[in-house]
């Protein structure tokens, strides 16, 4: 059965690009364009991995991360933060809140992100 990835990201172009690439790799991708929908989908769909942007409408990524990690139903889902925020305090905060990996968008190409996804899912 295909692994499911929830991508919480408000940029629809990026959603589509990742959806195409991850689809080719055999993953099912669920998209959420804001933090609120992201939380709902994480709880209802229980994805195998969550790709999370931090700068999101409605509910900020840090809040999403905190809520997912404090919820028994979602706390074991690996979360990769994929964001433009480069400040070391943001990186530290995300890792402290339970993110598995922190990737700055400008420093990784799509293929590298896909590799990180595979690694995090354990493939």
PDB file of N, CA and C in Angstrom:
ATOM      1  N   UNK A   1       0.835  -1.197   0.000  1.00  0.00           N
ATOM      2  CA  UNK A   1       0.000   0.000   0.000  1.00  0.00           C
ATOM      3  C   UNK A   1       0.875   1.253   0.000  1.00  0.00           C
ATOM      4  N   UNK A   2       0.458   2.235  -0.756  1.00  0.00           N
ATOM      5  CA  UNK A   2       1.251   3.468  -0.857  1.00  0.00           C
ATOM      6  C   UNK A   2       1.265   4.225   0.465  1.00  0.00           C
ATOM      7  N   UNK A   3       2.398   4.811   0.759  1.00  0.00           N
ATOM      8  CA  UNK A   3       2.515   5.652   1.949  1.00  0.00           C
ATOM      9  C   UNK A   3       1.884   7.003   1.639  1.00  0.00           C
ATOM     10  N   UNK A   4       1.297   7.593   2.662  1.00  0.00           N
ATOM     11  CA  UNK A   4       0.615   8.867   2.489  1.00  0.00           C
ATOM     12  C   UNK A   4       1.414  10.001   3.121  1.00  0.00           C
ATOM     13  N   UNK A   5       1.529  11.084   2.381  1.00  0.00           N
ATOM     14  CA  UNK A   5       2.238  12.265   2.873  1.00  0.00           C
ATOM     15  C   UNK A   5       1.267  13.436   2.889  1.00  0.00           C
ATOM     16  N   UNK A   6       1.194  14.092   4.028  1.00  0.00           N
ATOM     17  CA  UNK A   6       0.380  15.299   4.135  1.00  0.00           C
ATOM     18  C   UNK A   6       1.316  16.496   3.993  1.00  0.00           C
ATOM     19  N   UNK A   7       1.023  17.362   3.037  1.00  0.00           N
ATOM     20  CA  UNK A   7       1.852  18.540   2.810  1.00  0.00           C
ATOM     21  C   UNK A   7       1.056  19.779   3.213  1.00  0.00           C
ATOM     22  N   UNK A   8       1.475  20.415   4.302  1.00  0.00           N
ATOM     23  CA  UNK A   8       0.792  21.607   4.797  1.00  0.00           C
ATOM     24  C   UNK A   8       1.608  22.817   4.333  1.00  0.00           C
ATOM     25  N   UNK A   9       1.107  23.472   3.301  1.00  0.00           N
ATOM     26  CA  UNK A   9       1.864  24.522   2.595  1.00  0.00           C
ATOM     27  C   UNK A   9       0.866  25.419   1.877  1.00  0.00           C
ATOM     28  N   UNK A  10       0.984  26.738   2.052  1.00  0.00           N
ATOM     29  CA  UNK A  10      -0.004  27.638   1.459  1.00  0.00           C
ATOM     30  C   UNK A  10       0.295  28.047   0.021  1.00  0.00           C
ATOM     31  N   UNK A  11       1.421  27.605  -0.509  1.00  0.00           N
ATOM     32  CA  UNK A  11       1.762  27.926  -1.895  1.00  0.00           C
ATOM     33  C   UNK A  11       1.271  26.803  -2.805  1.00  0.00           C
ATOM     34  N   UNK A  12       0.212  27.060  -3.552  1.00  0.00           N
ATOM     35  CA  UNK A  12      -0.382  25.970  -4.333  1.00  0.00           C
ATOM     36  C   UNK A  12       0.524  25.457  -5.446  1.00  0.00           C
ATOM     37  N   UNK A  13       1.369  26.321  -6.005  1.00  0.00           N
ATOM     38  CA  UNK A  13       2.296  25.871  -7.059  1.00  0.00           C
ATOM     39  C   UNK A  13       3.265  24.825  -6.508  1.00  0.00           C
ATOM     40  N   UNK A  14       3.751  25.075  -5.303  1.00  0.00           N
ATOM     41  CA  UNK A  14       4.669  24.136  -4.648  1.00  0.00           C
ATOM     42  C   UNK A  14       3.931  22.838  -4.313  1.00  0.00           C
ATOM     43  N   UNK A  15       2.691  22.969  -3.867  1.00  0.00           N
ATOM     44  CA  UNK A  15       1.854  21.796  -3.591  1.00  0.00           C
ATOM     45  C   UNK A  15       1.784  20.912  -4.836  1.00  0.00           C
ATOM     46  N   UNK A  16       1.502  21.537  -5.969  1.00  0.00           N
ATOM     47  CA  UNK A  16       1.337  20.781  -7.205  1.00  0.00           C
ATOM     48  C   UNK A  16       2.643  20.100  -7.626  1.00  0.00           C
ATOM     49  N   UNK A  17       3.743  20.850  -7.588  1.00  0.00           N
ATOM     50  CA  UNK A  17       5.043  20.297  -7.956  1.00  0.00           C
ATOM     51  C   UNK A  17       5.384  19.087  -7.099  1.00  0.00           C
ATOM     52  N   UNK A  18       5.219  19.243  -5.799  1.00  0.00           N
ATOM     53  CA  UNK A  18       5.519  18.131  -4.894  1.00  0.00           C
ATOM     54  C   UNK A  18       4.573  16.967  -5.102  1.00  0.00           C
ATOM     55  N   UNK A  19       3.299  17.288  -5.342  1.00  0.00           N
ATOM     56  CA  UNK A  19       2.315  16.242  -5.597  1.00  0.00           C
ATOM     57  C   UNK A  19       2.718  15.389  -6.785  1.00  0.00           C
ATOM     58  N   UNK A  20       3.169  16.055  -7.860  1.00  0.00           N
ATOM     59  CA  UNK A  20       3.600  15.344  -9.065  1.00  0.00           C
ATOM     60  C   UNK A  20       4.806  14.451  -8.779  1.00  0.00           C
ATOM     61  N   UNK A  21       5.805  15.028  -8.122  1.00  0.00           N
ATOM     62  CA  UNK A  21       7.039  14.283  -7.855  1.00  0.00           C
ATOM     63  C   UNK A  21       6.795  13.109  -6.914  1.00  0.00           C
ATOM     64  N   UNK A  22       6.073  13.372  -5.833  1.00  0.00           N
ATOM     65  CA  UNK A  22       5.821  12.308  -4.857  1.00  0.00           C
ATOM     66  C   UNK A  22       4.913  11.236  -5.441  1.00  0.00           C
ATOM     67  N   UNK A  23       4.004  11.671  -6.310  1.00  0.00           N
ATOM     68  CA  UNK A  23       3.133  10.710  -6.997  1.00  0.00           C
ATOM     69  C   UNK A  23       3.945   9.763  -7.867  1.00  0.00           C
ATOM     70  N   UNK A  24       4.916  10.319  -8.601  1.00  0.00           N
ATOM     71  CA  UNK A  24       5.796   9.508  -9.445  1.00  0.00           C
ATOM     72  C   UNK A  24       6.604   8.516  -8.607  1.00  0.00           C
ATOM     73  N   UNK A  25       6.910   8.926  -7.374  1.00  0.00           N
ATOM     74  CA  UNK A  25       7.677   8.053  -6.479  1.00  0.00           C
ATOM     75  C   UNK A  25       6.785   7.014  -5.804  1.00  0.00           C
ATOM     76  N   UNK A  26       5.493   7.077  -6.092  1.00  0.00           N
ATOM     77  CA  UNK A  26       4.575   6.086  -5.546  1.00  0.00           C
ATOM     78  C   UNK A  26       3.903   6.461  -4.231  1.00  0.00           C
ATOM     79  N   UNK A  27       3.998   7.719  -3.863  1.00  0.00           N
ATOM     80  CA  UNK A  27       3.332   8.168  -2.633  1.00  0.00           C
ATOM     81  C   UNK A  27       1.975   8.786  -2.944  1.00  0.00           C
ATOM     82  N   UNK A  28       1.087   8.729  -1.982  1.00  0.00           N
ATOM     83  CA  UNK A  28      -0.172   9.465  -2.077  1.00  0.00           C
ATOM     84  C   UNK A  28       0.031  10.766  -1.326  1.00  0.00           C
ATOM     85  N   UNK A  29      -0.320  11.884  -1.939  1.00  0.00           N
ATOM     86  CA  UNK A  29      -0.142  13.145  -1.245  1.00  0.00           C
ATOM     87  C   UNK A  29      -1.477  13.806  -0.963  1.00  0.00           C
ATOM     88  N   UNK A  30      -1.617  14.274   0.275  1.00  0.00           N
ATOM     89  CA  UNK A  30      -2.790  15.037   0.675  1.00  0.00           C
ATOM     90  C   UNK A  30      -2.308  16.468   0.876  1.00  0.00           C
ATOM     91  N   UNK A  31      -3.068  17.436   0.366  1.00  0.00           N
ATOM     92  CA  UNK A  31      -2.666  18.833   0.483  1.00  0.00           C
ATOM     93  C   UNK A  31      -3.533  19.592   1.470  1.00  0.00           C
ATOM     94  N   UNK A  32      -2.880  20.461   2.227  1.00  0.00           N
ATOM     95  CA  UNK A  32      -3.609  21.394   3.083  1.00  0.00           C
ATOM     96  C   UNK A  32      -2.988  22.763   2.855  1.00  0.00           C
ATOM     97  N   UNK A  33      -3.822  23.752   2.574  1.00  0.00           N
ATOM     98  CA  UNK A  33      -3.303  25.084   2.264  1.00  0.00           C
ATOM     99  C   UNK A  33      -3.232  26.007   3.486  1.00  0.00           C
ATOM    100  N   UNK A  34      -3.699  25.529   4.635  1.00  0.00           N
ATOM    101  CA  UNK A  34      -3.505  26.308   5.857  1.00  0.00           C
ATOM    102  C   UNK A  34      -3.359  25.371   7.057  1.00  0.00           C
ATOM    103  N   UNK A  35      -2.931  25.939   8.168  1.00  0.00           N
ATOM    104  CA  UNK A  35      -2.648  25.138   9.353  1.00  0.00           C
ATOM    105  C   UNK A  35      -3.864  24.455   9.942  1.00  0.00           C
ATOM    106  N   UNK A  36      -5.003  25.112   9.860  1.00  0.00           N
ATOM    107  CA  UNK A  36      -6.240  24.565  10.419  1.00  0.00           C
ATOM    108  C   UNK A  36      -6.647  23.280   9.692  1.00  0.00           C
ATOM    109  N   UNK A  37      -6.675  23.351   8.356  1.00  0.00           N
ATOM    110  CA  UNK A  37      -7.021  22.174   7.549  1.00  0.00           C
ATOM    111  C   UNK A  37      -5.959  21.096   7.765  1.00  0.00           C
ATOM    112  N   UNK A  38      -4.691  21.529   7.841  1.00  0.00           N
ATOM    113  CA  UNK A  38      -3.602  20.580   8.075  1.00  0.00           C
ATOM    114  C   UNK A  38      -3.807  19.757   9.339  1.00  0.00           C
ATOM    115  N   UNK A  39      -4.189  20.424  10.415  1.00  0.00           N
ATOM    116  CA  UNK A  39      -4.442  19.718  11.673  1.00  0.00           C
ATOM    117  C   UNK A  39      -5.594  18.727  11.532  1.00  0.00           C
ATOM    118  N   UNK A  40      -6.669  19.174  10.903  1.00  0.00           N
ATOM    119  CA  UNK A  40      -7.839  18.303  10.709  1.00  0.00           C
ATOM    120  C   UNK A  40      -7.453  17.059   9.910  1.00  0.00           C
ATOM    121  N   UNK A  41      -6.732  17.276   8.797  1.00  0.00           N
ATOM    122  CA  UNK A  41      -6.357  16.147   7.939  1.00  0.00           C
ATOM    123  C   UNK A  41      -5.373  15.202   8.637  1.00  0.00           C
ATOM    124  N   UNK A  42      -4.455  15.762   9.409  1.00  0.00           N
ATOM    125  CA  UNK A  42      -3.496  14.915  10.127  1.00  0.00           C
ATOM    126  C   UNK A  42      -4.238  13.990  11.084  1.00  0.00           C
ATOM    127  N   UNK A  43      -5.247  14.531  11.751  1.00  0.00           N
ATOM    128  CA  UNK A  43      -6.006  13.727  12.729  1.00  0.00           C
ATOM    129  C   UNK A  43      -6.918  12.710  12.063  1.00  0.00           C
ATOM    130  N   UNK A  44      -7.515  13.096  10.928  1.00  0.00           N
ATOM    131  CA  UNK A  44      -8.465  12.180  10.298  1.00  0.00           C
ATOM    132  C   UNK A  44      -7.796  11.158   9.386  1.00  0.00           C
ATOM    133  N   UNK A  45      -6.747  11.562   8.680  1.00  0.00           N
ATOM    134  CA  UNK A  45      -6.113  10.662   7.703  1.00  0.00           C
ATOM    135  C   UNK A  45      -4.918   9.894   8.253  1.00  0.00           C
ATOM    136  N   UNK A  46      -4.344  10.348   9.348  1.00  0.00           N
ATOM    137  CA  UNK A  46      -3.159   9.704   9.934  1.00  0.00           C
ATOM    138  C   UNK A  46      -2.099   9.372   8.864  1.00  0.00           C
ATOM    139  N   UNK A  47      -1.525  10.413   8.236  1.00  0.00           N
ATOM    140  CA  UNK A  47      -0.526  10.153   7.178  1.00  0.00           C
ATOM    141  C   UNK A  47       0.737   9.505   7.736  1.00  0.00           C
ATOM    142  N   UNK A  48       1.559   8.959   6.849  1.00  0.00           N
ATOM    143  CA  UNK A  48       2.820   8.325   7.269  1.00  0.00           C
ATOM    144  C   UNK A  48       3.889   9.376   7.554  1.00  0.00           C
ATOM    145  N   UNK A  49       3.711  10.569   6.960  1.00  0.00           N
ATOM    146  CA  UNK A  49       4.679  11.642   7.147  1.00  0.00           C
ATOM    147  C   UNK A  49       3.992  12.970   6.865  1.00  0.00           C
ATOM    148  N   UNK A  50       4.452  14.020   7.551  1.00  0.00           N
ATOM    149  CA  UNK A  50       3.908  15.348   7.305  1.00  0.00           C
ATOM    150  C   UNK A  50       5.048  16.279   6.898  1.00  0.00           C
ATOM    151  N   UNK A  51       4.856  16.969   5.777  1.00  0.00           N
ATOM    152  CA  UNK A  51       5.763  18.038   5.345  1.00  0.00           C
ATOM    153  C   UNK A  51       5.074  19.317   5.776  1.00  0.00           C
ATOM    154  N   UNK A  52       5.741  20.122   6.570  1.00  0.00           N
ATOM    155  CA  UNK A  52       5.087  21.271   7.177  1.00  0.00           C
ATOM    156  C   UNK A  52       5.822  22.584   6.923  1.00  0.00           C
ATOM    157  N   UNK A  53       5.112  23.531   6.335  1.00  0.00           N
ATOM    158  CA  UNK A  53       5.655  24.886   6.216  1.00  0.00           C
ATOM    159  C   UNK A  53       5.373  25.579   7.543  1.00  0.00           C
ATOM    160  N   UNK A  54       6.144  26.584   7.907  1.00  0.00           N
ATOM    161  CA  UNK A  54       5.896  27.284   9.165  1.00  0.00           C
ATOM    162  C   UNK A  54       5.027  28.517   9.001  1.00  0.00           C
ATOM    163  N   UNK A  55       5.226  29.247   7.898  1.00  0.00           N
ATOM    164  CA  UNK A  55       4.456  30.468   7.690  1.00  0.00           C
ATOM    165  C   UNK A  55       3.161  30.091   6.976  1.00  0.00           C
ATOM    166  N   UNK A  56       2.102  29.938   7.766  1.00  0.00           N
ATOM    167  CA  UNK A  56       0.825  29.457   7.239  1.00  0.00           C
ATOM    168  C   UNK A  56      -0.330  30.359   7.655  1.00  0.00           C
ATOM    169  N   UNK A  57      -1.373  30.414   6.811  1.00  0.00           N
ATOM    170  CA  UNK A  57      -2.576  31.140   7.232  1.00  0.00           C
ATOM    171  C   UNK A  57      -3.299  30.364   8.348  1.00  0.00           C
ATOM    172  N   UNK A  58      -4.106  31.056   9.112  1.00  0.00           N
ATOM    173  CA  UNK A  58      -4.973  30.521  10.174  1.00  0.00           C
ATOM    174  C   UNK A  58      -4.232  29.998  11.398  1.00  0.00           C
ATOM    175  N   UNK A  59      -3.454  28.937  11.234  1.00  0.00           N
ATOM    176  CA  UNK A  59      -2.698  28.411  12.377  1.00  0.00           C
ATOM    177  C   UNK A  59      -1.223  28.311  11.964  1.00  0.00           C
ATOM    178  N   UNK A  60      -0.341  28.982  12.708  1.00  0.00           N
ATOM    179  CA  UNK A  60       1.088  28.989  12.383  1.00  0.00           C
ATOM    180  C   UNK A  60       1.666  27.581  12.488  1.00  0.00           C
ATOM    181  N   UNK A  61       2.695  27.322  11.683  1.00  0.00           N
ATOM    182  CA  UNK A  61       3.334  26.011  11.668  1.00  0.00           C
ATOM    183  C   UNK A  61       3.833  25.530  13.023  1.00  0.00           C
ATOM    184  N   UNK A  62       4.381  26.436  13.838  1.00  0.00           N
ATOM    185  CA  UNK A  62       4.847  26.026  15.163  1.00  0.00           C
ATOM    186  C   UNK A  62       3.685  25.505  16.009  1.00  0.00           C
ATOM    187  N   UNK A  63       2.543  26.162  15.878  1.00  0.00           N
ATOM    188  CA  UNK A  63       1.337  25.752  16.622  1.00  0.00           C
ATOM    189  C   UNK A  63       0.861  24.388  16.129  1.00  0.00           C
ATOM    190  N   UNK A  64       0.885  24.204  14.806  1.00  0.00           N
ATOM    191  CA  UNK A  64       0.501  22.920  14.201  1.00  0.00           C
ATOM    192  C   UNK A  64       1.409  21.815  14.756  1.00  0.00           C
ATOM    193  N   UNK A  65       2.704  22.085  14.739  1.00  0.00           N
ATOM    194  CA  UNK A  65       3.696  21.122  15.227  1.00  0.00           C
ATOM    195  C   UNK A  65       3.427  20.767  16.684  1.00  0.00           C
ATOM    196  N   UNK A  66       3.206  21.796  17.503  1.00  0.00           N
ATOM    197  CA  UNK A  66       2.955  21.599  18.931  1.00  0.00           C
ATOM    198  C   UNK A  66       1.705  20.747  19.159  1.00  0.00           C
ATOM    199  N   UNK A  67       0.646  21.077  18.430  1.00  0.00           N
ATOM    200  CA  UNK A  67      -0.609  20.335  18.599  1.00  0.00           C
ATOM    201  C   UNK A  67      -0.484  18.891  18.143  1.00  0.00           C
ATOM    202  N   UNK A  68       0.192  18.666  17.012  1.00  0.00           N
ATOM    203  CA  UNK A  68       0.341  17.295  16.512  1.00  0.00           C
ATOM    204  C   UNK A  68       1.176  16.443  17.464  1.00  0.00           C
ATOM    205  N   UNK A  69       2.199  17.052  18.049  1.00  0.00           N
ATOM    206  CA  UNK A  69       3.084  16.296  18.935  1.00  0.00           C
ATOM    207  C   UNK A  69       2.484  16.081  20.322  1.00  0.00           C
ATOM    208  N   UNK A  70       1.456  16.858  20.682  1.00  0.00           N
ATOM    209  CA  UNK A  70       0.846  16.653  21.995  1.00  0.00           C
ATOM    210  C   UNK A  70      -0.423  15.804  21.899  1.00  0.00           C
ATOM    211  N   UNK A  71      -0.782  15.418  20.674  1.00  0.00           N
ATOM    212  CA  UNK A  71      -1.973  14.605  20.442  1.00  0.00           C
ATOM    213  C   UNK A  71      -1.548  13.136  20.307  1.00  0.00           C
ATOM    214  N   UNK A  72      -2.114  12.277  21.149  1.00  0.00           N
ATOM    215  CA  UNK A  72      -1.738  10.859  21.130  1.00  0.00           C
ATOM    216  C   UNK A  72      -1.924  10.216  19.757  1.00  0.00           C
ATOM    217  N   UNK A  73      -2.945  10.658  19.024  1.00  0.00           N
ATOM    218  CA  UNK A  73      -3.229  10.081  17.713  1.00  0.00           C
ATOM    219  C   UNK A  73      -2.224  10.447  16.636  1.00  0.00           C
ATOM    220  N   UNK A  74      -1.508  11.557  16.822  1.00  0.00           N
ATOM    221  CA  UNK A  74      -0.608  12.026  15.765  1.00  0.00           C
ATOM    222  C   UNK A  74       0.841  12.186  16.217  1.00  0.00           C
ATOM    223  N   UNK A  75       1.124  11.989  17.495  1.00  0.00           N
ATOM    224  CA  UNK A  75       2.459  12.340  18.000  1.00  0.00           C
ATOM    225  C   UNK A  75       3.592  11.510  17.391  1.00  0.00           C
ATOM    226  N   UNK A  76       3.283  10.329  16.871  1.00  0.00           N
ATOM    227  CA  UNK A  76       4.349   9.490  16.307  1.00  0.00           C
ATOM    228  C   UNK A  76       4.566   9.685  14.811  1.00  0.00           C
ATOM    229  N   UNK A  77       3.776  10.540  14.190  1.00  0.00           N
ATOM    230  CA  UNK A  77       3.948  10.794  12.750  1.00  0.00           C
ATOM    231  C   UNK A  77       5.200  11.667  12.572  1.00  0.00           C
ATOM    232  N   UNK A  78       6.174  11.221  11.768  1.00  0.00           N
ATOM    233  CA  UNK A  78       7.350  12.066  11.542  1.00  0.00           C
ATOM    234  C   UNK A  78       6.973  13.340  10.791  1.00  0.00           C
ATOM    235  N   UNK A  79       7.560  14.451  11.225  1.00  0.00           N
ATOM    236  CA  UNK A  79       7.263  15.737  10.603  1.00  0.00           C
ATOM    237  C   UNK A  79       8.558  16.367  10.098  1.00  0.00           C
ATOM    238  N   UNK A  80       8.565  16.711   8.814  1.00  0.00           N
ATOM    239  CA  UNK A  80       9.689  17.431   8.223  1.00  0.00           C
ATOM    240  C   UNK A  80       9.229  18.874   8.013  1.00  0.00           C
ATOM    241  N   UNK A  81       9.934  19.801   8.618  1.00  0.00           N
ATOM    242  CA  UNK A  81       9.622  21.212   8.416  1.00  0.00           C
ATOM    243  C   UNK A  81      10.329  21.656   7.131  1.00  0.00           C
ATOM    244  N   UNK A  82       9.566  22.261   6.226  1.00  0.00           N
ATOM    245  CA  UNK A  82      10.095  22.754   4.955  1.00  0.00           C
ATOM    246  C   UNK A  82       9.670  24.210   4.839  1.00  0.00           C
ATOM    247  N   UNK A  83      10.609  25.128   5.040  1.00  0.00           N
ATOM    248  CA  UNK A  83      10.223  26.520   5.185  1.00  0.00           C
ATOM    249  C   UNK A  83      11.270  27.472   4.626  1.00  0.00           C
ATOM    250  N   UNK A  84      10.932  28.746   4.576  1.00  0.00           N
ATOM    251  CA  UNK A  84      11.907  29.765   4.184  1.00  0.00           C
ATOM    252  C   UNK A  84      12.586  30.387   5.396  1.00  0.00           C
ATOM    253  N   UNK A  85      12.108  30.076   6.584  1.00  0.00           N
ATOM    254  CA  UNK A  85      12.686  30.660   7.798  1.00  0.00           C
ATOM    255  C   UNK A  85      14.036  30.018   8.084  1.00  0.00           C
ATOM    256  N   UNK A  86      15.084  30.848   8.088  1.00  0.00           N
ATOM    257  CA  UNK A  86      16.440  30.309   8.237  1.00  0.00           C
ATOM    258  C   UNK A  86      17.053  30.553   9.608  1.00  0.00           C
ATOM    259  N   UNK A  87      16.395  31.357  10.443  1.00  0.00           N
ATOM    260  CA  UNK A  87      16.992  31.719  11.733  1.00  0.00           C
ATOM    261  C   UNK A  87      17.224  30.496  12.603  1.00  0.00           C
ATOM    262  N   UNK A  88      18.382  30.442  13.241  1.00  0.00           N
ATOM    263  CA  UNK A  88      18.736  29.287  14.058  1.00  0.00           C
ATOM    264  C   UNK A  88      17.731  29.073  15.195  1.00  0.00           C
ATOM    265  N   UNK A  89      17.145  30.168  15.714  1.00  0.00           N
ATOM    266  CA  UNK A  89      16.157  29.977  16.792  1.00  0.00           C
ATOM    267  C   UNK A  89      14.893  29.284  16.287  1.00  0.00           C
ATOM    268  N   UNK A  90      14.547  29.516  15.011  1.00  0.00           N
ATOM    269  CA  UNK A  90      13.399  28.808  14.432  1.00  0.00           C
ATOM    270  C   UNK A  90      13.716  27.324  14.273  1.00  0.00           C
ATOM    271  N   UNK A  91      14.921  27.044  13.811  1.00  0.00           N
ATOM    272  CA  UNK A  91      15.361  25.652  13.648  1.00  0.00           C
ATOM    273  C   UNK A  91      15.302  24.952  15.001  1.00  0.00           C
ATOM    274  N   UNK A  92      15.913  25.570  16.012  1.00  0.00           N
ATOM    275  CA  UNK A  92      15.945  24.973  17.350  1.00  0.00           C
ATOM    276  C   UNK A  92      14.548  24.760  17.913  1.00  0.00           C
ATOM    277  N   UNK A  93      13.690  25.754  17.723  1.00  0.00           N
ATOM    278  CA  UNK A  93      12.326  25.656  18.243  1.00  0.00           C
ATOM    279  C   UNK A  93      11.584  24.489  17.585  1.00  0.00           C
ATOM    280  N   UNK A  94      11.720  24.354  16.268  1.00  0.00           N
ATOM    281  CA  UNK A  94      11.036  23.285  15.548  1.00  0.00           C
ATOM    282  C   UNK A  94      11.524  21.910  16.024  1.00  0.00           C
ATOM    283  N   UNK A  95      12.834  21.769  16.207  1.00  0.00           N
ATOM    284  CA  UNK A  95      13.394  20.488  16.648  1.00  0.00           C
ATOM    285  C   UNK A  95      12.937  20.190  18.088  1.00  0.00           C
ATOM    286  N   UNK A  96      12.957  21.225  18.928  1.00  0.00           N
ATOM    287  CA  UNK A  96      12.482  21.052  20.312  1.00  0.00           C
ATOM    288  C   UNK A  96      11.020  20.624  20.353  1.00  0.00           C
ATOM    289  N   UNK A  97      10.227  21.166  19.448  1.00  0.00           N
ATOM    290  CA  UNK A  97       8.798  20.822  19.406  1.00  0.00           C
ATOM    291  C   UNK A  97       8.555  19.437  18.805  1.00  0.00           C
ATOM    292  N   UNK A  98       9.606  18.831  18.264  1.00  0.00           N
ATOM    293  CA  UNK A  98       9.457  17.450  17.797  1.00  0.00           C
ATOM    294  C   UNK A  98       9.611  17.201  16.318  1.00  0.00           C
ATOM    295  N   UNK A  99      10.010  18.226  15.535  1.00  0.00           N
ATOM    296  CA  UNK A  99      10.231  17.994  14.104  1.00  0.00           C
ATOM    297  C   UNK A  99      11.418  17.047  13.926  1.00  0.00           C
ATOM    298  N   UNK A 100      11.296  16.159  12.963  1.00  0.00           N
ATOM    299  CA  UNK A 100      12.365  15.190  12.704  1.00  0.00           C
ATOM    300  C   UNK A 100      13.506  15.860  11.943  1.00  0.00           C
ATOM    301  N   UNK A 101      13.172  16.693  10.987  1.00  0.00           N
ATOM    302  CA  UNK A 101      14.148  17.336  10.115  1.00  0.00           C
ATOM    303  C   UNK A 101      13.672  18.754   9.816  1.00  0.00           C
ATOM    304  N   UNK A 102      14.617  19.657   9.623  1.00  0.00           N
ATOM    305  CA  UNK A 102      14.281  21.051   9.301  1.00  0.00           C
ATOM    306  C   UNK A 102      14.997  21.402   8.009  1.00  0.00           C
ATOM    307  N   UNK A 103      14.235  21.703   6.974  1.00  0.00           N
ATOM    308  CA  UNK A 103      14.822  22.038   5.681  1.00  0.00           C
ATOM    309  C   UNK A 103      14.442  23.458   5.268  1.00  0.00           C
ATOM    310  N   UNK A 104      15.445  24.227   4.877  1.00  0.00           N
ATOM    311  CA  UNK A 104      15.175  25.562   4.345  1.00  0.00           C
ATOM    312  C   UNK A 104      14.998  25.421   2.836  1.00  0.00           C
ATOM    313  N   UNK A 105      13.856  25.878   2.336  1.00  0.00           N
ATOM    314  CA  UNK A 105      13.493  25.678   0.920  1.00  0.00           C
ATOM    315  C   UNK A 105      14.597  26.061  -0.057  1.00  0.00           C
ATOM    316  N   UNK A 106      15.246  27.196   0.176  1.00  0.00           N
ATOM    317  CA  UNK A 106      16.237  27.675  -0.779  1.00  0.00           C
ATOM    318  C   UNK A 106      17.497  26.820  -0.806  1.00  0.00           C
ATOM    319  N   UNK A 107      17.692  25.987   0.218  1.00  0.00           N
ATOM    320  CA  UNK A 107      18.933  25.216   0.303  1.00  0.00           C
ATOM    321  C   UNK A 107      18.814  23.780  -0.228  1.00  0.00           C
ATOM    322  N   UNK A 108      17.608  23.399  -0.619  1.00  0.00           N
ATOM    323  CA  UNK A 108      17.407  22.027  -1.090  1.00  0.00           C
ATOM    324  C   UNK A 108      16.626  22.030  -2.384  1.00  0.00           C
ATOM    325  N   UNK A 109      17.041  21.158  -3.312  1.00  0.00           N
ATOM    326  CA  UNK A 109      16.211  21.024  -4.507  1.00  0.00           C
ATOM    327  C   UNK A 109      15.163  19.941  -4.242  1.00  0.00           C
ATOM    328  N   UNK A 110      14.218  19.800  -5.160  1.00  0.00           N
ATOM    329  CA  UNK A 110      13.110  18.864  -4.952  1.00  0.00           C
ATOM    330  C   UNK A 110      13.570  17.429  -4.744  1.00  0.00           C
ATOM    331  N   UNK A 111      14.572  17.016  -5.521  1.00  0.00           N
ATOM    332  CA  UNK A 111      15.068  15.642  -5.410  1.00  0.00           C
ATOM    333  C   UNK A 111      15.613  15.379  -4.008  1.00  0.00           C
ATOM    334  N   UNK A 112      16.332  16.368  -3.480  1.00  0.00           N
ATOM    335  CA  UNK A 112      16.903  16.204  -2.144  1.00  0.00           C
ATOM    336  C   UNK A 112      15.807  16.106  -1.091  1.00  0.00           C
ATOM    337  N   UNK A 113      14.765  16.897  -1.273  1.00  0.00           N
ATOM    338  CA  UNK A 113      13.646  16.835  -0.324  1.00  0.00           C
ATOM    339  C   UNK A 113      12.991  15.461  -0.386  1.00  0.00           C
ATOM    340  N   UNK A 114      12.804  14.945  -1.602  1.00  0.00           N
ATOM    341  CA  UNK A 114      12.213  13.615  -1.764  1.00  0.00           C
ATOM    342  C   UNK A 114      13.081  12.552  -1.068  1.00  0.00           C
ATOM    343  N   UNK A 115      14.402  12.679  -1.192  1.00  0.00           N
ATOM    344  CA  UNK A 115      15.307  11.751  -0.493  1.00  0.00           C
ATOM    345  C   UNK A 115      15.108  11.806   1.016  1.00  0.00           C
ATOM    346  N   UNK A 116      14.958  13.036   1.547  1.00  0.00           N
ATOM    347  CA  UNK A 116      14.727  13.207   2.992  1.00  0.00           C
ATOM    348  C   UNK A 116      13.397  12.574   3.399  1.00  0.00           C
ATOM    349  N   UNK A 117      12.410  12.707   2.541  1.00  0.00           N
ATOM    350  CA  UNK A 117      11.098  12.115   2.795  1.00  0.00           C
ATOM    351  C   UNK A 117      11.235  10.596   2.889  1.00  0.00           C
ATOM    352  N   UNK A 118      11.914  10.012   1.906  1.00  0.00           N
ATOM    353  CA  UNK A 118      12.098   8.551   1.897  1.00  0.00           C
ATOM    354  C   UNK A 118      12.815   8.074   3.141  1.00  0.00           C
ATOM    355  N   UNK A 119      13.839   8.813   3.522  1.00  0.00           N
ATOM    356  CA  UNK A 119      14.627   8.463   4.698  1.00  0.00           C
ATOM    357  C   UNK A 119      13.758   8.531   5.967  1.00  0.00           C
ATOM    358  N   UNK A 120      12.982   9.599   6.051  1.00  0.00           N
ATOM    359  CA  UNK A 120      12.144   9.793   7.242  1.00  0.00           C
ATOM    360  C   UNK A 120      11.052   8.733   7.352  1.00  0.00           C
ATOM    361  N   UNK A 121      10.549   8.296   6.191  1.00  0.00           N
ATOM    362  CA  UNK A 121       9.510   7.259   6.191  1.00  0.00           C
ATOM    363  C   UNK A 121      10.135   5.885   6.401  1.00  0.00           C
ATOM    364  N   UNK A 122      11.447   5.826   6.216  1.00  0.00           N
ATOM    365  CA  UNK A 122      12.150   4.561   6.430  1.00  0.00           C
ATOM    366  C   UNK A 122      12.169   3.669   5.218  1.00  0.00           C
ATOM    367  N   UNK A 123      12.325   4.284   4.050  1.00  0.00           N
ATOM    368  CA  UNK A 123      12.399   3.475   2.815  1.00  0.00           C
ATOM    369  C   UNK A 123      13.782   3.621   2.188  1.00  0.00           C
TER     370      UNK A 123
END
